[in-house]
Amino acid sequence: MHITLRRPDDWHLHLRDGAMLQGIVPESARDFARAIIMPNLVPPVVTGADAAAYRDRIVAALPPGADFTPLMTLYLTEGTDPDDLAETARSGMITAVKLYPAGATTNSDSGVRDIEKVMPVLERMAEVGLPLCVHGEVTDPEVDIFDREAVFLETVLDPLRARLPELKVTLEHVTTSDGVDYVRGADTNLACTITTHHLIIDRNHMLVGGIRPHYYCLPIVKRAAHRTALRQAATSGDARFFLGTDSAPHVDAAKETGCGCAGVFSASNTMPLLAQVFEQEGALDQLEAFTSLNGPAWYGLAPNESQIVLEKKPGNFPARIETGAGPVTLFDPGFDIEWRVRR
């Protein structure tokens, strides 16, 4: 049994930099044609020159003959200049801008603390049609970590969209039924990405029987009922839902420690895992829409002409990827993988 798809894209990807970048880029370039690249480096990617330099480093790290296009983003700060941003967008250097609430996730300390301070930038983005990618969680320490997405929708995103309805928003890595319902209830200018791992694990997988640090991510995995809602959304064929792996590598030493980093690395095995999830849901006919069609349509790009073939045949994946920065553990779904990409 096999299925042929247009080559997929990843609409939310972390590649890091330096020695980690060198080891990680080939893992995404193997199956994916394009990816939205997250800008949360240290220091962050905040200007067009930063984005151009980072893109060049990514391209230099590609294996010979690889066909992979990094789609660059800028990190929104309270000091971002609307005119500079508009000019960078017109140049074609960037595909979107990323909003991190300050302190919400890895390398987000330079993010936004007061949405009012970036309203001139958001207004200009709406004017020029530049999408805003949003990490949708509040950072108020009084809000339980499992509720931060739902609270963000109510207190930040909904007021923002009411105030600036022409702004095109990608709500990234949705993890709750609240998020799914919010996107479904929007008439226009809202879509969302869903990760591979949030379709497969819930908080029991992370916590029952011992803490599994390689399942710790932000936004954190939620109850099984939320995972069910995500599966239903991803396999529905609704064009507002598409793949963004949020594949986020950290060396094992930074994960397996007293205060471990948030992030799941899934670039290497995402497509076989998604084939298995969609098969389980009786929706293999919707896999191409989720991975290869809905995202390009949202970002105004043509779908890829090249194809990949997934076959129902067990594949072997390494437990970890060796990089110059150290070993990075690959996402383990907790079951035998029954699909593979034909090479």
Foldseek 3Di string as FASTA:
>chain_A
DKDKFFQFEAAAEEQEDDQSNLQCLQLQLVRHQEYEYDQLYVVGAAALVSLVVVQVRNVVSYDPPGRHHYAYEHEDALPRDQVRVLVSVVVRSHLAYEADQAPQAPNRPRHDPDVVSCVVNQLSCLVNVHAYEYAQFDDPPVDDLQCGNVVSVVPPVVVVCVVPVSHQYEDEQDAFLSVVVVQVPDPDRYAYEHALQSLQDAVCVQPPPHHDLLQAAPSHGHDPVGSVSVLCSLLVLPLRYAHHHQQDWDAPVQRPDPDHHHHHHASNPRVLSVCVSCVVVVRNVSNNSRGFNSVCVSSVHDTHPHMWMKDQAFDDDDQWGQTPVHTTGHDDSPDGRRMDIDD
